[in-house]
């Protein structure tokens, strides 16, 4: 432990070693006897290095774990099954949008509130500059005026942020089902900051902005009444993403 100011509650406290994507994900790879893929704009390798720093106090770490990470770990792709996909297959498809089938979380026992909390916690943690390897660092995401709203929500003292949308997608391709990436910025969106990352078969797209277009609210797993879940093949995005990492990720010497 290390004494300092907790980034979430902003109190002086003993700080734990916090992980950018959560300690449980690294443990999952160890249990599966495989090395995770460490990806950045300058290097993509299989390595056991963990991106972690003294960032949060014990109480705030537990808040992240209880309200988001614990649930996510039960439904992502694991050696013993892919929980969220198994639930989806037991329910009827509601419609097709482009290349994707759309299901309703409201038809299933899928806790989209916990999924959205997890997604926002990752993006918020991404505002910090994390040391990685080879003298580099990643993170430094910018949420602008919404950063404080997100922090208050994650801490449990504020409502769900007005300017936040979380789109939830489940991948049918094996590449996505075994991939974990850090968030990247989508530079094509002009009315919002949009961040994307995948955690073993679940793709998260998070939009942050003041005047988000209506279609984003309709695709939000929290704001939309039907709480849609998009299902499809995302393999091409894993091929495309390294190019975008090189173009958009903030890497500091």
C-alpha atoms as a PDB file:
ATOM      1  CA  UNK A   1       0.000   0.000   0.000  1.00  0.00           C
ATOM      2  CA  UNK A   2       0.957   3.626  -0.430  1.00  0.00           C
ATOM      3  CA  UNK A   3      -0.378   6.710   1.324  1.00  0.00           C
ATOM      4  CA  UNK A   4      -1.963   9.306  -0.938  1.00  0.00           C
ATOM      5  CA  UNK A   5      -5.195  10.858  -2.253  1.00  0.00           C
ATOM      6  CA  UNK A   6      -7.745   8.421  -3.664  1.00  0.00           C
ATOM      7  CA  UNK A   7      -8.700   9.545  -7.168  1.00  0.00           C
ATOM      8  CA  UNK A   8     -12.364   8.527  -6.751  1.00  0.00           C
ATOM      9  CA  UNK A   9     -13.406   9.682  -3.251  1.00  0.00           C
ATOM     10  CA  UNK A  10     -10.581  12.277  -3.128  1.00  0.00           C
ATOM     11  CA  UNK A  11      -9.815  11.434   0.516  1.00  0.00           C
ATOM     12  CA  UNK A  12      -6.379  10.895   2.006  1.00  0.00           C
ATOM     13  CA  UNK A  13      -6.015   7.139   2.465  1.00  0.00           C
ATOM     14  CA  UNK A  14      -3.893   4.046   2.050  1.00  0.00           C
ATOM     15  CA  UNK A  15      -3.998   3.323  -1.693  1.00  0.00           C
ATOM     16  CA  UNK A  16      -4.230  -0.131  -3.217  1.00  0.00           C
ATOM     17  CA  UNK A  17      -2.582  -1.117  -6.474  1.00  0.00           C
ATOM     18  CA  UNK A  18      -5.424  -0.496  -8.917  1.00  0.00           C
ATOM     19  CA  UNK A  19      -5.703  -2.151 -12.337  1.00  0.00           C
ATOM     20  CA  UNK A  20      -6.821  -0.289 -15.445  1.00  0.00           C
ATOM     21  CA  UNK A  21      -9.106  -3.189 -16.464  1.00  0.00           C
ATOM     22  CA  UNK A  22      -9.515  -4.950 -13.130  1.00  0.00           C
ATOM     23  CA  UNK A  23      -7.490  -7.553 -11.265  1.00  0.00           C
ATOM     24  CA  UNK A  24     -10.020 -10.341 -11.908  1.00  0.00           C
ATOM     25  CA  UNK A  25      -9.319 -10.322 -15.663  1.00  0.00           C
ATOM     26  CA  UNK A  26      -5.646 -11.091 -15.096  1.00  0.00           C
ATOM     27  CA  UNK A  27      -6.571 -13.881 -12.687  1.00  0.00           C
ATOM     28  CA  UNK A  28      -8.884 -15.323 -15.346  1.00  0.00           C
ATOM     29  CA  UNK A  29      -5.988 -15.628 -17.792  1.00  0.00           C
ATOM     30  CA  UNK A  30      -3.843 -17.285 -15.141  1.00  0.00           C
ATOM     31  CA  UNK A  31      -6.637 -19.765 -14.378  1.00  0.00           C
ATOM     32  CA  UNK A  32      -6.943 -20.493 -18.118  1.00  0.00           C
ATOM     33  CA  UNK A  33      -3.147 -21.027 -18.287  1.00  0.00           C
ATOM     34  CA  UNK A  34      -2.619 -18.458 -21.022  1.00  0.00           C
ATOM     35  CA  UNK A  35      -0.950 -15.086 -21.308  1.00  0.00           C
ATOM     36  CA  UNK A  36      -3.083 -12.008 -21.989  1.00  0.00           C
ATOM     37  CA  UNK A  37      -2.487  -9.913 -25.077  1.00  0.00           C
ATOM     38  CA  UNK A  38      -0.992  -6.541 -24.113  1.00  0.00           C
ATOM     39  CA  UNK A  39      -1.843  -4.043 -26.833  1.00  0.00           C
ATOM     40  CA  UNK A  40      -0.805  -0.426 -27.367  1.00  0.00           C
ATOM     41  CA  UNK A  41      -0.074   1.755 -30.402  1.00  0.00           C
ATOM     42  CA  UNK A  42       3.605   0.776 -30.296  1.00  0.00           C
ATOM     43  CA  UNK A  43       3.493  -2.904 -29.369  1.00  0.00           C
ATOM     44  CA  UNK A  44       1.162  -5.935 -29.380  1.00  0.00           C
ATOM     45  CA  UNK A  45       2.517  -8.943 -27.467  1.00  0.00           C
ATOM     46  CA  UNK A  46       1.461 -11.785 -25.202  1.00  0.00           C
ATOM     47  CA  UNK A  47       2.792 -10.889 -21.771  1.00  0.00           C
ATOM     48  CA  UNK A  48       1.900 -11.221 -18.103  1.00  0.00           C
ATOM     49  CA  UNK A  49       2.598  -7.544 -17.391  1.00  0.00           C
ATOM     50  CA  UNK A  50      -0.261  -5.912 -15.507  1.00  0.00           C
ATOM     51  CA  UNK A  51      -1.166  -2.252 -16.028  1.00  0.00           C
ATOM     52  CA  UNK A  52      -1.565  -1.074 -12.442  1.00  0.00           C
ATOM     53  CA  UNK A  53      -0.789   1.873 -10.175  1.00  0.00           C
ATOM     54  CA  UNK A  54      -1.587   3.178  -6.701  1.00  0.00           C
ATOM     55  CA  UNK A  55      -4.822   4.977  -7.517  1.00  0.00           C
ATOM     56  CA  UNK A  56      -7.782   4.029  -5.299  1.00  0.00           C
ATOM     57  CA  UNK A  57      -8.418   3.354  -1.631  1.00  0.00           C
ATOM     58  CA  UNK A  58      -9.765  -0.035  -0.500  1.00  0.00           C
ATOM     59  CA  UNK A  59     -13.370   1.183  -0.158  1.00  0.00           C
ATOM     60  CA  UNK A  60     -13.447   2.606  -3.683  1.00  0.00           C
ATOM     61  CA  UNK A  61     -11.825  -0.521  -5.125  1.00  0.00           C
ATOM     62  CA  UNK A  62     -14.572  -2.568  -3.488  1.00  0.00           C
ATOM     63  CA  UNK A  63     -17.215  -0.214  -4.916  1.00  0.00           C
ATOM     64  CA  UNK A  64     -15.925  -0.880  -8.437  1.00  0.00           C
ATOM     65  CA  UNK A  65     -15.822  -4.604  -7.743  1.00  0.00           C
ATOM     66  CA  UNK A  66     -19.304  -4.910  -6.201  1.00  0.00           C
ATOM     67  CA  UNK A  67     -21.172  -2.635  -8.614  1.00  0.00           C
ATOM     68  CA  UNK A  68     -19.589  -3.711 -11.874  1.00  0.00           C
ATOM     69  CA  UNK A  69     -16.647  -6.091 -12.111  1.00  0.00           C
ATOM     70  CA  UNK A  70     -18.150  -9.007 -10.174  1.00  0.00           C
ATOM     71  CA  UNK A  71     -21.136  -9.219 -12.502  1.00  0.00           C
ATOM     72  CA  UNK A  72     -19.126  -8.735 -15.685  1.00  0.00           C
ATOM     73  CA  UNK A  73     -16.834 -11.607 -14.711  1.00  0.00           C
ATOM     74  CA  UNK A  74     -19.812 -13.985 -14.498  1.00  0.00           C
ATOM     75  CA  UNK A  75     -21.041 -13.370 -18.064  1.00  0.00           C
ATOM     76  CA  UNK A  76     -17.928 -12.870 -20.206  1.00  0.00           C
ATOM     77  CA  UNK A  77     -16.403 -15.715 -22.210  1.00  0.00           C
ATOM     78  CA  UNK A  78     -14.612 -18.142 -19.904  1.00  0.00           C
ATOM     79  CA  UNK A  79     -13.271 -21.654 -20.106  1.00  0.00           C
ATOM     80  CA  UNK A  80     -16.557 -22.992 -18.690  1.00  0.00           C
ATOM     81  CA  UNK A  81     -18.898 -20.989 -20.948  1.00  0.00           C
ATOM     82  CA  UNK A  82     -20.025 -17.615 -22.274  1.00  0.00           C
ATOM     83  CA  UNK A  83     -22.810 -16.600 -19.904  1.00  0.00           C
ATOM     84  CA  UNK A  84     -24.347 -13.661 -21.714  1.00  0.00           C
ATOM     85  CA  UNK A  85     -24.405 -15.483 -25.066  1.00  0.00           C
ATOM     86  CA  UNK A  86     -26.083 -18.479 -23.475  1.00  0.00           C
ATOM     87  CA  UNK A  87     -28.829 -16.206 -22.131  1.00  0.00           C
ATOM     88  CA  UNK A  88     -29.280 -14.535 -25.515  1.00  0.00           C
ATOM     89  CA  UNK A  89     -29.687 -17.853 -27.338  1.00  0.00           C
ATOM     90  CA  UNK A  90     -32.641 -18.745 -25.109  1.00  0.00           C
ATOM     91  CA  UNK A  91     -34.578 -15.625 -26.131  1.00  0.00           C
ATOM     92  CA  UNK A  92     -36.146 -14.376 -29.363  1.00  0.00           C
ATOM     93  CA  UNK A  93     -34.404 -11.899 -31.641  1.00  0.00           C
ATOM     94  CA  UNK A  94     -36.408  -8.661 -31.846  1.00  0.00           C
ATOM     95  CA  UNK A  95     -35.102  -7.184 -35.118  1.00  0.00           C
ATOM     96  CA  UNK A  96     -32.133  -6.824 -37.426  1.00  0.00           C
ATOM     97  CA  UNK A  97     -30.107  -3.613 -37.769  1.00  0.00           C
ATOM     98  CA  UNK A  98     -27.554  -3.798 -40.558  1.00  0.00           C
ATOM     99  CA  UNK A  99     -25.190  -6.677 -39.811  1.00  0.00           C
ATOM    100  CA  UNK A 100     -26.464  -7.173 -36.270  1.00  0.00           C
ATOM    101  CA  UNK A 101     -29.296  -8.986 -34.547  1.00  0.00           C
ATOM    102  CA  UNK A 102     -30.926  -7.005 -31.760  1.00  0.00           C
ATOM    103  CA  UNK A 103     -32.182  -8.592 -28.546  1.00  0.00           C
ATOM    104  CA  UNK A 104     -33.752  -6.966 -25.504  1.00  0.00           C
ATOM    105  CA  UNK A 105     -32.095  -7.234 -22.123  1.00  0.00           C
ATOM    106  CA  UNK A 106     -35.540  -6.541 -20.675  1.00  0.00           C
ATOM    107  CA  UNK A 107     -36.518 -10.035 -21.953  1.00  0.00           C
ATOM    108  CA  UNK A 108     -33.655 -11.593 -19.993  1.00  0.00           C
ATOM    109  CA  UNK A 109     -32.079 -11.405 -16.582  1.00  0.00           C
ATOM    110  CA  UNK A 110     -29.158  -9.337 -17.814  1.00  0.00           C
ATOM    111  CA  UNK A 111     -28.099  -6.577 -15.453  1.00  0.00           C
ATOM    112  CA  UNK A 112     -27.374  -3.749 -17.875  1.00  0.00           C
ATOM    113  CA  UNK A 113     -26.963  -1.265 -15.005  1.00  0.00           C
ATOM    114  CA  UNK A 114     -23.928  -3.194 -13.739  1.00  0.00           C
ATOM    115  CA  UNK A 115     -22.546  -3.488 -17.273  1.00  0.00           C
ATOM    116  CA  UNK A 116     -22.900   0.265 -17.813  1.00  0.00           C
ATOM    117  CA  UNK A 117     -21.300   0.973 -14.432  1.00  0.00           C
ATOM    118  CA  UNK A 118     -18.344  -1.219 -15.386  1.00  0.00           C
ATOM    119  CA  UNK A 119     -18.003   0.497 -18.777  1.00  0.00           C
ATOM    120  CA  UNK A 120     -18.015   3.975 -17.253  1.00  0.00           C
ATOM    121  CA  UNK A 121     -15.560   2.906 -14.551  1.00  0.00           C
ATOM    122  CA  UNK A 122     -13.080   1.774 -17.224  1.00  0.00           C
ATOM    123  CA  UNK A 123     -13.440   5.015 -19.177  1.00  0.00           C
ATOM    124  CA  UNK A 124     -13.078   7.096 -16.022  1.00  0.00           C
ATOM    125  CA  UNK A 125      -9.968   5.158 -14.993  1.00  0.00           C
ATOM    126  CA  UNK A 126      -8.672   5.817 -18.503  1.00  0.00           C
ATOM    127  CA  UNK A 127      -8.486   9.527 -17.673  1.00  0.00           C
ATOM    128  CA  UNK A 128      -5.475   8.654 -15.531  1.00  0.00           C
ATOM    129  CA  UNK A 129      -2.086   8.270 -17.233  1.00  0.00           C
ATOM    130  CA  UNK A 130      -0.996   4.639 -16.735  1.00  0.00           C
ATOM    131  CA  UNK A 131       2.606   3.525 -17.066  1.00  0.00           C
ATOM    132  CA  UNK A 132       2.873   0.546 -19.387  1.00  0.00           C
ATOM    133  CA  UNK A 133       6.209  -0.742 -20.734  1.00  0.00           C
ATOM    134  CA  UNK A 134       9.308   0.393 -22.582  1.00  0.00           C
ATOM    135  CA  UNK A 135       9.128   3.757 -20.816  1.00  0.00           C
ATOM    136  CA  UNK A 136       5.679   4.466 -22.244  1.00  0.00           C
ATOM    137  CA  UNK A 137       2.322   5.337 -20.722  1.00  0.00           C
ATOM    138  CA  UNK A 138      -1.267   5.121 -21.889  1.00  0.00           C
ATOM    139  CA  UNK A 139      -4.599   6.574 -20.804  1.00  0.00           C
ATOM    140  CA  UNK A 140      -5.086  10.307 -20.629  1.00  0.00           C
ATOM    141  CA  UNK A 141      -8.643  10.041 -21.962  1.00  0.00           C
ATOM    142  CA  UNK A 142     -10.637  13.252 -21.837  1.00  0.00           C
ATOM    143  CA  UNK A 143     -14.242  13.404 -20.618  1.00  0.00           C
ATOM    144  CA  UNK A 144     -14.318  17.197 -20.443  1.00  0.00           C
ATOM    145  CA  UNK A 145     -16.990  18.709 -18.206  1.00  0.00           C
ATOM    146  CA  UNK A 146     -18.555  15.250 -17.786  1.00  0.00           C
ATOM    147  CA  UNK A 147     -15.646  13.785 -15.853  1.00  0.00           C
ATOM    148  CA  UNK A 148     -16.941  15.050 -12.503  1.00  0.00           C
ATOM    149  CA  UNK A 149     -20.472  13.747 -13.239  1.00  0.00           C
ATOM    150  CA  UNK A 150     -19.063  10.314 -14.012  1.00  0.00           C
ATOM    151  CA  UNK A 151     -16.914  10.350 -10.874  1.00  0.00           C
ATOM    152  CA  UNK A 152     -19.913  11.254  -8.671  1.00  0.00           C
ATOM    153  CA  UNK A 153     -21.985   8.486 -10.227  1.00  0.00           C
ATOM    154  CA  UNK A 154     -19.249   5.893  -9.745  1.00  0.00           C
ATOM    155  CA  UNK A 155     -18.802   6.995  -6.153  1.00  0.00           C
ATOM    156  CA  UNK A 156     -22.529   6.571  -5.519  1.00  0.00           C
ATOM    157  CA  UNK A 157     -23.293  10.192  -4.657  1.00  0.00           C
ATOM    158  CA  UNK A 158     -24.699  11.283  -8.033  1.00  0.00           C
ATOM    159  CA  UNK A 159     -27.218  10.042 -10.629  1.00  0.00           C
ATOM    160  CA  UNK A 160     -26.399   8.302 -13.876  1.00  0.00           C
ATOM    161  CA  UNK A 161     -24.670  11.007 -15.978  1.00  0.00           C
ATOM    162  CA  UNK A 162     -27.054  12.839 -18.304  1.00  0.00           C
ATOM    163  CA  UNK A 163     -24.543  12.983 -21.131  1.00  0.00           C
ATOM    164  CA  UNK A 164     -23.473   9.319 -21.072  1.00  0.00           C
ATOM    165  CA  UNK A 165     -24.605   6.511 -23.388  1.00  0.00           C
ATOM    166  CA  UNK A 166     -23.433   2.895 -23.158  1.00  0.00           C
ATOM    167  CA  UNK A 167     -24.042   0.623 -26.147  1.00  0.00           C
ATOM    168  CA  UNK A 168     -23.673  -3.070 -25.406  1.00  0.00           C
ATOM    169  CA  UNK A 169     -22.727  -5.638 -28.073  1.00  0.00           C
ATOM    170  CA  UNK A 170     -22.008  -9.357 -27.826  1.00  0.00           C
ATOM    171  CA  UNK A 171     -19.595 -10.958 -30.293  1.00  0.00           C
ATOM    172  CA  UNK A 172     -20.227 -14.212 -32.102  1.00  0.00           C
ATOM    173  CA  UNK A 173     -16.636 -14.427 -33.424  1.00  0.00           C
ATOM    174  CA  UNK A 174     -13.969 -16.320 -31.491  1.00  0.00           C
ATOM    175  CA  UNK A 175     -11.373 -13.557 -31.871  1.00  0.00           C
ATOM    176  CA  UNK A 176     -13.487 -11.074 -29.909  1.00  0.00           C
ATOM    177  CA  UNK A 177     -14.494 -13.726 -27.396  1.00  0.00           C
ATOM    178  CA  UNK A 178     -10.841 -14.139 -26.396  1.00  0.00           C
ATOM    179  CA  UNK A 179      -9.739 -10.503 -26.674  1.00  0.00           C
ATOM    180  CA  UNK A 180      -9.298  -7.759 -24.100  1.00  0.00           C
ATOM    181  CA  UNK A 181      -8.349  -4.255 -25.210  1.00  0.00           C
ATOM    182  CA  UNK A 182      -7.893  -0.899 -23.550  1.00  0.00           C
ATOM    183  CA  UNK A 183     -10.281   1.858 -24.670  1.00  0.00           C
ATOM    184  CA  UNK A 184      -9.634   3.650 -27.931  1.00  0.00           C
ATOM    185  CA  UNK A 185     -11.161   6.916 -29.131  1.00  0.00           C
ATOM    186  CA  UNK A 186     -13.417   6.910 -32.185  1.00  0.00           C
ATOM    187  CA  UNK A 187     -12.356  10.024 -34.152  1.00  0.00           C
ATOM    188  CA  UNK A 188     -15.297   9.838 -36.564  1.00  0.00           C
ATOM    189  CA  UNK A 189     -17.896  11.120 -34.092  1.00  0.00           C
ATOM    190  CA  UNK A 190     -18.323  14.887 -34.084  1.00  0.00           C
ATOM    191  CA  UNK A 191     -21.129  15.391 -31.544  1.00  0.00           C
ATOM    192  CA  UNK A 192     -19.613  13.269 -28.787  1.00  0.00           C
ATOM    193  CA  UNK A 193     -16.500  11.635 -27.429  1.00  0.00           C
ATOM    194  CA  UNK A 194     -16.884   7.933 -28.203  1.00  0.00           C
ATOM    195  CA  UNK A 195     -14.716   5.249 -26.612  1.00  0.00           C
ATOM    196  CA  UNK A 196     -14.626   1.550 -27.518  1.00  0.00           C
ATOM    197  CA  UNK A 197     -13.152  -1.517 -25.851  1.00  0.00           C
ATOM    198  CA  UNK A 198     -13.797  -5.271 -25.704  1.00  0.00           C
ATOM    199  CA  UNK A 199     -13.654  -7.653 -22.753  1.00  0.00           C
ATOM    200  CA  UNK A 200     -13.762 -11.317 -23.784  1.00  0.00           C
ATOM    201  CA  UNK A 201     -16.732 -11.195 -26.103  1.00  0.00           C
ATOM    202  CA  UNK A 202     -18.511  -8.072 -24.864  1.00  0.00           C
ATOM    203  CA  UNK A 203     -17.964  -4.847 -26.814  1.00  0.00           C
ATOM    204  CA  UNK A 204     -18.606  -1.547 -25.047  1.00  0.00           C
ATOM    205  CA  UNK A 205     -19.174   1.728 -26.917  1.00  0.00           C
ATOM    206  CA  UNK A 206     -19.446   4.724 -24.584  1.00  0.00           C
ATOM    207  CA  UNK A 207     -20.547   8.130 -25.871  1.00  0.00           C
ATOM    208  CA  UNK A 208     -20.028  11.240 -23.748  1.00  0.00           C
ATOM    209  CA  UNK A 209     -21.440  14.612 -24.814  1.00  0.00           C
ATOM    210  CA  UNK A 210     -23.837  17.500 -24.223  1.00  0.00           C
ATOM    211  CA  UNK A 211     -26.106  17.070 -27.250  1.00  0.00           C
ATOM    212  CA  UNK A 212     -26.055  13.406 -28.171  1.00  0.00           C
ATOM    213  CA  UNK A 213     -28.145  12.376 -31.200  1.00  0.00           C
ATOM    214  CA  UNK A 214     -31.404  10.484 -30.622  1.00  0.00           C
ATOM    215  CA  UNK A 215     -30.162   7.223 -32.158  1.00  0.00           C
ATOM    216  CA  UNK A 216     -27.528   6.952 -29.413  1.00  0.00           C
ATOM    217  CA  UNK A 217     -30.197   7.090 -26.712  1.00  0.00           C
ATOM    218  CA  UNK A 218     -32.159   4.410 -28.564  1.00  0.00           C
ATOM    219  CA  UNK A 219     -29.127   2.108 -28.511  1.00  0.00           C
ATOM    220  CA  UNK A 220     -28.250   2.710 -24.840  1.00  0.00           C
ATOM    221  CA  UNK A 221     -28.495  -0.296 -22.540  1.00  0.00           C
ATOM    222  CA  UNK A 222     -29.567   2.029 -19.702  1.00  0.00           C
ATOM    223  CA  UNK A 223     -31.556   4.886 -21.267  1.00  0.00           C
ATOM    224  CA  UNK A 224     -33.581   2.955 -23.857  1.00  0.00           C
ATOM    225  CA  UNK A 225     -36.721   1.240 -22.442  1.00  0.00           C
ATOM    226  CA  UNK A 226     -35.927  -1.990 -24.320  1.00  0.00           C
ATOM    227  CA  UNK A 227     -32.264  -2.000 -23.222  1.00  0.00           C
ATOM    228  CA  UNK A 228     -30.997  -3.390 -26.552  1.00  0.00           C
ATOM    229  CA  UNK A 229     -28.125  -5.823 -26.958  1.00  0.00           C
ATOM    230  CA  UNK A 230     -26.506  -6.043 -30.396  1.00  0.00           C
ATOM    231  CA  UNK A 231     -25.156  -9.420 -31.488  1.00  0.00           C
ATOM    232  CA  UNK A 232     -22.861 -10.089 -34.442  1.00  0.00           C
ATOM    233  CA  UNK A 233     -19.390 -10.725 -35.827  1.00  0.00           C
ATOM    234  CA  UNK A 234     -16.835  -8.118 -34.737  1.00  0.00           C
ATOM    235  CA  UNK A 235     -13.715  -9.827 -36.052  1.00  0.00           C
ATOM    236  CA  UNK A 236     -13.046  -7.075 -38.603  1.00  0.00           C
ATOM    237  CA  UNK A 237     -12.850  -4.459 -35.846  1.00  0.00           C
ATOM    238  CA  UNK A 238     -10.048  -6.351 -34.126  1.00  0.00           C
ATOM    239  CA  UNK A 239      -8.151  -6.277 -37.406  1.00  0.00           C
ATOM    240  CA  UNK A 240      -8.918  -2.580 -37.872  1.00  0.00           C
ATOM    241  CA  UNK A 241      -8.313  -1.481 -34.270  1.00  0.00           C
ATOM    242  CA  UNK A 242      -4.478  -1.606 -34.238  1.00  0.00           C
ATOM    243  CA  UNK A 243      -4.478   0.981 -37.020  1.00  0.00           C
ATOM    244  CA  UNK A 244      -6.789   3.204 -34.971  1.00  0.00           C
ATOM    245  CA  UNK A 245      -4.663   2.718 -31.847  1.00  0.00           C
ATOM    246  CA  UNK A 246      -1.694   4.109 -33.716  1.00  0.00           C
ATOM    247  CA  UNK A 247      -3.754   7.068 -34.896  1.00  0.00           C
ATOM    248  CA  UNK A 248      -5.763   7.970 -31.800  1.00  0.00           C
ATOM    249  CA  UNK A 249      -4.415   6.509 -28.553  1.00  0.00           C
ATOM    250  CA  UNK A 250      -2.612   8.934 -26.313  1.00  0.00           C
ATOM    251  CA  UNK A 251       0.834   7.505 -25.655  1.00  0.00           C
ATOM    252  CA  UNK A 252       3.275   9.481 -23.557  1.00  0.00           C
ATOM    253  CA  UNK A 253       7.023   9.090 -23.365  1.00  0.00           C
END
